[in-house]
C-alpha atoms as a PDB file:
ATOM      1  CA  MET A   1      -1.495  17.302  38.588  1.00  0.00           C
ATOM      2  CA  SER A   2       1.026  15.237  36.403  1.00  0.00           C
ATOM      3  CA  SER A   3       4.942  16.253  36.141  1.00  0.00           C
ATOM      4  CA  PHE A   4       4.482  16.548  32.415  1.00  0.00           C
ATOM      5  CA  ALA A   5       2.593  18.451  30.561  1.00  0.00           C
ATOM      6  CA  ASP A   6      -0.346  16.502  28.282  1.00  0.00           C
ATOM      7  CA  ASP A   7       0.341  19.125  25.604  1.00  0.00           C
ATOM      8  CA  PRO A   8       4.163  18.774  24.269  1.00  0.00           C
ATOM      9  CA  GLY A   9       4.210  22.298  23.007  1.00  0.00           C
ATOM     10  CA  GLU A  10       2.605  23.878  26.060  1.00  0.00           C
ATOM     11  CA  PRO A  11       5.557  24.046  29.230  1.00  0.00           C
ATOM     12  CA  PHE A  12       4.778  22.886  32.129  1.00  0.00           C
ATOM     13  CA  ASP A  13       3.757  24.705  35.409  1.00  0.00           C
ATOM     14  CA  ASP A  14       3.732  23.905  39.150  1.00  0.00           C
ATOM     15  CA  GLY A  15       3.631  27.911  39.573  1.00  0.00           C
ATOM     16  CA  ASP A  16       7.641  27.693  40.406  1.00  0.00           C
ATOM     17  CA  THR A  17       8.820  30.070  37.911  1.00  0.00           C
ATOM     18  CA  GLY A  18      12.612  29.830  39.088  1.00  0.00           C
ATOM     19  CA  ILE A  19      15.473  28.509  36.412  1.00  0.00           C
ATOM     20  CA  GLU A  20      17.174  26.590  38.400  1.00  0.00           C
ATOM     21  CA  ASP A  21      14.199  23.959  38.467  1.00  0.00           C
ATOM     22  CA  SER A  22      13.663  24.608  34.878  1.00  0.00           C
ATOM     23  CA  MET A  23      17.197  23.487  33.974  1.00  0.00           C
ATOM     24  CA  THR A  24      17.096  20.197  36.364  1.00  0.00           C
ATOM     25  CA  ARG A  25      13.767  19.410  34.569  1.00  0.00           C
ATOM     26  CA  ALA A  26      15.115  20.085  31.142  1.00  0.00           C
ATOM     27  CA  ARG A  27      18.049  18.235  32.231  1.00  0.00           C
ATOM     28  CA  SER A  28      16.405  15.076  33.589  1.00  0.00           C
ATOM     29  CA  ILE A  29      14.100  14.660  30.258  1.00  0.00           C
ATOM     30  CA  LEU A  30      17.438  15.634  28.097  1.00  0.00           C
ATOM     31  CA  ALA A  31      19.316  12.390  30.272  1.00  0.00           C
ATOM     32  CA  LEU A  32      15.754  10.149  30.172  1.00  0.00           C
ATOM     33  CA  PHE A  33      15.656  10.848  26.104  1.00  0.00           C
ATOM     34  CA  THR A  34      18.744   9.988  25.434  1.00  0.00           C
ATOM     35  CA  SER A  35      19.502   6.888  27.464  1.00  0.00           C
ATOM     36  CA  SER A  36      16.210   5.496  26.633  1.00  0.00           C
ATOM     37  CA  ALA A  37      17.411   3.034  24.080  1.00  0.00           C
ATOM     38  CA  LYS A  38      20.744   2.462  23.856  1.00  0.00           C
ATOM     39  CA  SER A  39      20.638   2.113  20.254  1.00  0.00           C
ATOM     40  CA  ASN A  40      19.683   5.836  19.943  1.00  0.00           C
ATOM     41  CA  LEU A  41      22.326   7.088  17.695  1.00  0.00           C
ATOM     42  CA  ASP A  42      21.515  10.727  18.083  1.00  0.00           C
ATOM     43  CA  GLY A  43      21.148  10.417  22.024  1.00  0.00           C
ATOM     44  CA  TYR A  44      24.543   8.553  22.165  1.00  0.00           C
ATOM     45  CA  ARG A  45      25.887  12.131  20.160  1.00  0.00           C
ATOM     46  CA  ILE A  46      23.887  14.429  22.456  1.00  0.00           C
ATOM     47  CA  GLN A  47      25.756  12.648  25.843  1.00  0.00           C
ATOM     48  CA  CYS A  48      28.620  12.777  24.003  1.00  0.00           C
ATOM     49  CA  VAL A  49      28.720  16.347  23.121  1.00  0.00           C
ATOM     50  CA  LEU A  50      27.461  17.306  26.525  1.00  0.00           C
ATOM     51  CA  ARG A  51      30.105  15.037  28.257  1.00  0.00           C
ATOM     52  CA  GLN A  52      32.857  16.878  25.992  1.00  0.00           C
ATOM     53  CA  CYS A  53      31.067  20.513  26.996  1.00  0.00           C
ATOM     54  CA  LEU A  54      31.045  19.453  30.938  1.00  0.00           C
ATOM     55  CA  ASP A  55      34.473  18.580  31.047  1.00  0.00           C
ATOM     56  CA  SER A  56      35.911  21.637  28.924  1.00  0.00           C
ATOM     57  CA  LEU A  57      33.994  23.727  31.834  1.00  0.00           C
ATOM     58  CA  SER A  58      35.568  22.264  34.489  1.00  0.00           C
ATOM     59  CA  GLU A  59      38.586  21.388  33.361  1.00  0.00           C
ATOM     60  CA  THR A  60      41.889  24.567  33.540  1.00  0.00           C
ATOM     61  CA  PRO A  61      43.621  25.325  30.495  1.00  0.00           C
ATOM     62  CA  LEU A  62      47.101  25.030  30.858  1.00  0.00           C
ATOM     63  CA  VAL A  63      48.083  28.655  30.156  1.00  0.00           C
ATOM     64  CA  GLU A  64      51.924  30.128  30.479  1.00  0.00           C
ATOM     65  CA  THR A  65      51.971  31.922  33.140  1.00  0.00           C
ATOM     66  CA  GLN A  66      54.496  33.818  31.855  1.00  0.00           C
ATOM     67  CA  GLY A  67      57.071  34.042  29.006  1.00  0.00           C
ATOM     68  CA  SER A  68      60.977  33.378  28.847  1.00  0.00           C
ATOM     69  CA  ASN A  69      62.978  36.567  29.196  1.00  0.00           C
ATOM     70  CA  HIS A  70      64.295  36.060  26.132  1.00  0.00           C
ATOM     71  CA  ASP A  71      60.571  36.541  24.898  1.00  0.00           C
ATOM     72  CA  GLU A  72      59.988  39.310  26.862  1.00  0.00           C
ATOM     73  CA  VAL A  73      63.241  41.380  25.748  1.00  0.00           C
ATOM     74  CA  ASP A  74      62.412  40.429  21.884  1.00  0.00           C
ATOM     75  CA  GLU A  75      59.510  41.974  22.226  1.00  0.00           C
ATOM     76  CA  ILE A  76      61.306  45.084  23.543  1.00  0.00           C
ATOM     77  CA  LEU A  77      63.761  44.817  21.155  1.00  0.00           C
ATOM     78  CA  VAL A  78      60.873  45.023  18.206  1.00  0.00           C
ATOM     79  CA  VAL A  79      60.622  48.675  19.767  1.00  0.00           C
ATOM     80  CA  LEU A  80      63.729  49.988  20.607  1.00  0.00           C
ATOM     81  CA  GLY A  81      65.587  48.128  17.714  1.00  0.00           C
ATOM     82  CA  HIS A  82      67.636  45.123  17.704  1.00  0.00           C
ATOM     83  CA  GLU A  83      70.975  46.839  17.893  1.00  0.00           C
ATOM     84  CA  HIS A  84      69.975  47.615  21.437  1.00  0.00           C
ATOM     85  CA  GLY A  85      70.197  43.730  22.408  1.00  0.00           C
ATOM     86  CA  ARG A  86      73.687  43.714  24.304  1.00  0.00           C
ATOM     87  CA  TRP A  87      71.907  46.546  26.429  1.00  0.00           C
ATOM     88  CA  LEU A  88      68.614  45.301  26.812  1.00  0.00           C
ATOM     89  CA  HIS A  89      69.850  41.646  28.209  1.00  0.00           C
ATOM     90  CA  GLN A  90      72.193  42.841  30.469  1.00  0.00           C
ATOM     91  CA  LEU A  91      69.428  44.927  31.790  1.00  0.00           C
ATOM     92  CA  TRP A  92      67.098  41.764  32.107  1.00  0.00           C
ATOM     93  CA  ARG A  93      70.079  39.829  33.721  1.00  0.00           C
ATOM     94  CA  ASP A  94      71.124  42.515  36.979  1.00  0.00           C
ATOM     95  CA  PHE A  95      67.606  43.858  38.021  1.00  0.00           C
ATOM     96  CA  PRO A  96      64.196  43.085  38.221  1.00  0.00           C
ATOM     97  CA  VAL A  97      62.426  44.379  35.053  1.00  0.00           C
ATOM     98  CA  LYS A  98      59.385  44.871  34.783  1.00  0.00           C
ATOM     99  CA  GLN A  99      56.248  45.783  31.742  1.00  0.00           C
ATOM    100  CA  GLU A 100      53.415  46.549  33.824  1.00  0.00           C
ATOM    101  CA  PRO A 101      51.988  49.905  34.483  1.00  0.00           C
ATOM    102  CA  MET A 102      53.792  52.087  37.538  1.00  0.00           C
ATOM    103  CA  LEU A 103      51.329  52.447  40.152  1.00  0.00           C
ATOM    104  CA  ALA A 104      51.600  54.844  42.847  1.00  0.00           C
ATOM    105  CA  PRO A 105      51.077  54.142  46.502  1.00  0.00           C
ATOM    106  CA  SER A 106      47.145  54.783  46.195  1.00  0.00           C
ATOM    107  CA  GLY A 107      46.677  52.636  43.471  1.00  0.00           C
ATOM    108  CA  GLY A 108      46.481  55.216  40.443  1.00  0.00           C
ATOM    109  CA  VAL A 109      48.685  54.794  37.706  1.00  0.00           C
ATOM    110  CA  ILE A 110      52.129  57.203  37.505  1.00  0.00           C
ATOM    111  CA  ALA A 111      53.309  55.758  34.225  1.00  0.00           C
ATOM    112  CA  GLU A 112      52.838  52.823  31.639  1.00  0.00           C
ATOM    113  CA  PRO A 113      56.529  52.528  30.344  1.00  0.00           C
ATOM    114  CA  LEU A 114      57.842  49.939  28.219  1.00  0.00           C
ATOM    115  CA  PHE A 115      59.603  48.577  31.139  1.00  0.00           C
ATOM    116  CA  TRP A 116      60.860  49.267  34.416  1.00  0.00           C
ATOM    117  CA  PHE A 117      62.985  47.955  37.609  1.00  0.00           C
ATOM    118  CA  PRO A 118      64.532  49.310  40.683  1.00  0.00           C
ATOM    119  CA  ASN A 119      68.179  49.291  41.093  1.00  0.00           C
ATOM    120  CA  GLN A 120      70.057  47.898  44.533  1.00  0.00           C
ATOM    121  CA  GLU A 121      69.609  51.072  46.634  1.00  0.00           C
ATOM    122  CA  ALA A 122      65.757  50.645  45.133  1.00  0.00           C
ATOM    123  CA  LYS A 123      66.139  53.901  42.601  1.00  0.00           C
ATOM    124  CA  LEU A 124      63.161  53.397  40.139  1.00  0.00           C
ATOM    125  CA  PHE A 125      64.023  54.065  36.505  1.00  0.00           C
ATOM    126  CA  SER A 126      61.660  53.478  33.554  1.00  0.00           C
ATOM    127  CA  CYS A 127      61.756  53.376  29.899  1.00  0.00           C
ATOM    128  CA  PHE A 128      59.443  54.776  27.269  1.00  0.00           C
ATOM    129  CA  GLY A 129      61.731  53.846  24.078  1.00  0.00           C
ATOM    130  CA  ASN A 130      62.424  56.707  22.304  1.00  0.00           C
ATOM    131  CA  PRO A 131      59.253  58.573  22.055  1.00  0.00           C
ATOM    132  CA  LYS A 132      59.806  62.708  23.303  1.00  0.00           C
ATOM    133  CA  LEU A 133      58.177  62.908  26.327  1.00  0.00           C
ATOM    134  CA  THR A 134      56.142  66.017  27.513  1.00  0.00           C
ATOM    135  CA  GLN A 135      57.631  68.120  30.390  1.00  0.00           C
ATOM    136  CA  ARG A 136      54.680  67.367  32.498  1.00  0.00           C
ATOM    137  CA  THR A 137      55.084  63.871  32.109  1.00  0.00           C
ATOM    138  CA  LYS A 138      58.709  64.535  33.316  1.00  0.00           C
ATOM    139  CA  SER A 139      58.269  66.242  35.986  1.00  0.00           C
ATOM    140  CA  HIS A 140      55.439  63.841  37.133  1.00  0.00           C
ATOM    141  CA  LEU A 141      57.217  60.700  37.401  1.00  0.00           C
ATOM    142  CA  GLU A 142      60.384  63.618  39.153  1.00  0.00           C
ATOM    143  CA  ASP A 143      57.811  63.790  41.623  1.00  0.00           C
ATOM    144  CA  PHE A 144      57.644  60.010  42.171  1.00  0.00           C
ATOM    145  CA  GLY A 145      61.246  60.137  41.961  1.00  0.00           C
ATOM    146  CA  ILE A 146      61.935  57.693  38.417  1.00  0.00           C
ATOM    147  CA  ARG A 147      64.129  58.392  36.078  1.00  0.00           C
ATOM    148  CA  VAL A 148      63.537  58.024  32.608  1.00  0.00           C
ATOM    149  CA  LEU A 149      66.079  55.880  30.878  1.00  0.00           C
ATOM    150  CA  LYS A 150      66.704  56.288  27.269  1.00  0.00           C
ATOM    151  CA  VAL A 151      68.132  53.257  25.442  1.00  0.00           C
ATOM    152  CA  VAL A 152      72.181  54.869  25.497  1.00  0.00           C
ATOM    153  CA  ASP A 153      72.426  54.897  28.915  1.00  0.00           C
ATOM    154  CA  SER A 154      75.302  53.153  30.653  1.00  0.00           C
ATOM    155  CA  MET A 155      75.594  50.586  32.552  1.00  0.00           C
ATOM    156  CA  GLU A 156      76.306  52.218  35.769  1.00  0.00           C
ATOM    157  CA  LEU A 157      72.306  52.365  37.735  1.00  0.00           C
END
């Protein structure tokens, strides 16, 4: 049995229908076709594009892992109002502020505040901005010992 189909429109069939084998054959045929003539401009272009694709698959893009504190504060000030900038910057300076959902020990989501942090005594504080929280939500937070911080609260935390 020959390794190529006699009819170019007929796929090669050696009894194995594995996709890996088909892809390996396709890559081999493509490599032979594109490198058979050095003057073949189309083959050269195809190889260049394929190399770029492989490079982009294997390279890890540079991604900023964490924004600066200033950027995080600015995003929250858009919601809270820029008049609270001094208060918010001091919180960021004094506490390990987090901007992620608050999770229970079981892994369930307790709440999704704008930000939250533990103070020096490990008491948890959360800030939701200015929306009116329902009594059920307030009770749920109290059950976990979480204090809801209002934007105007003093810095005595």
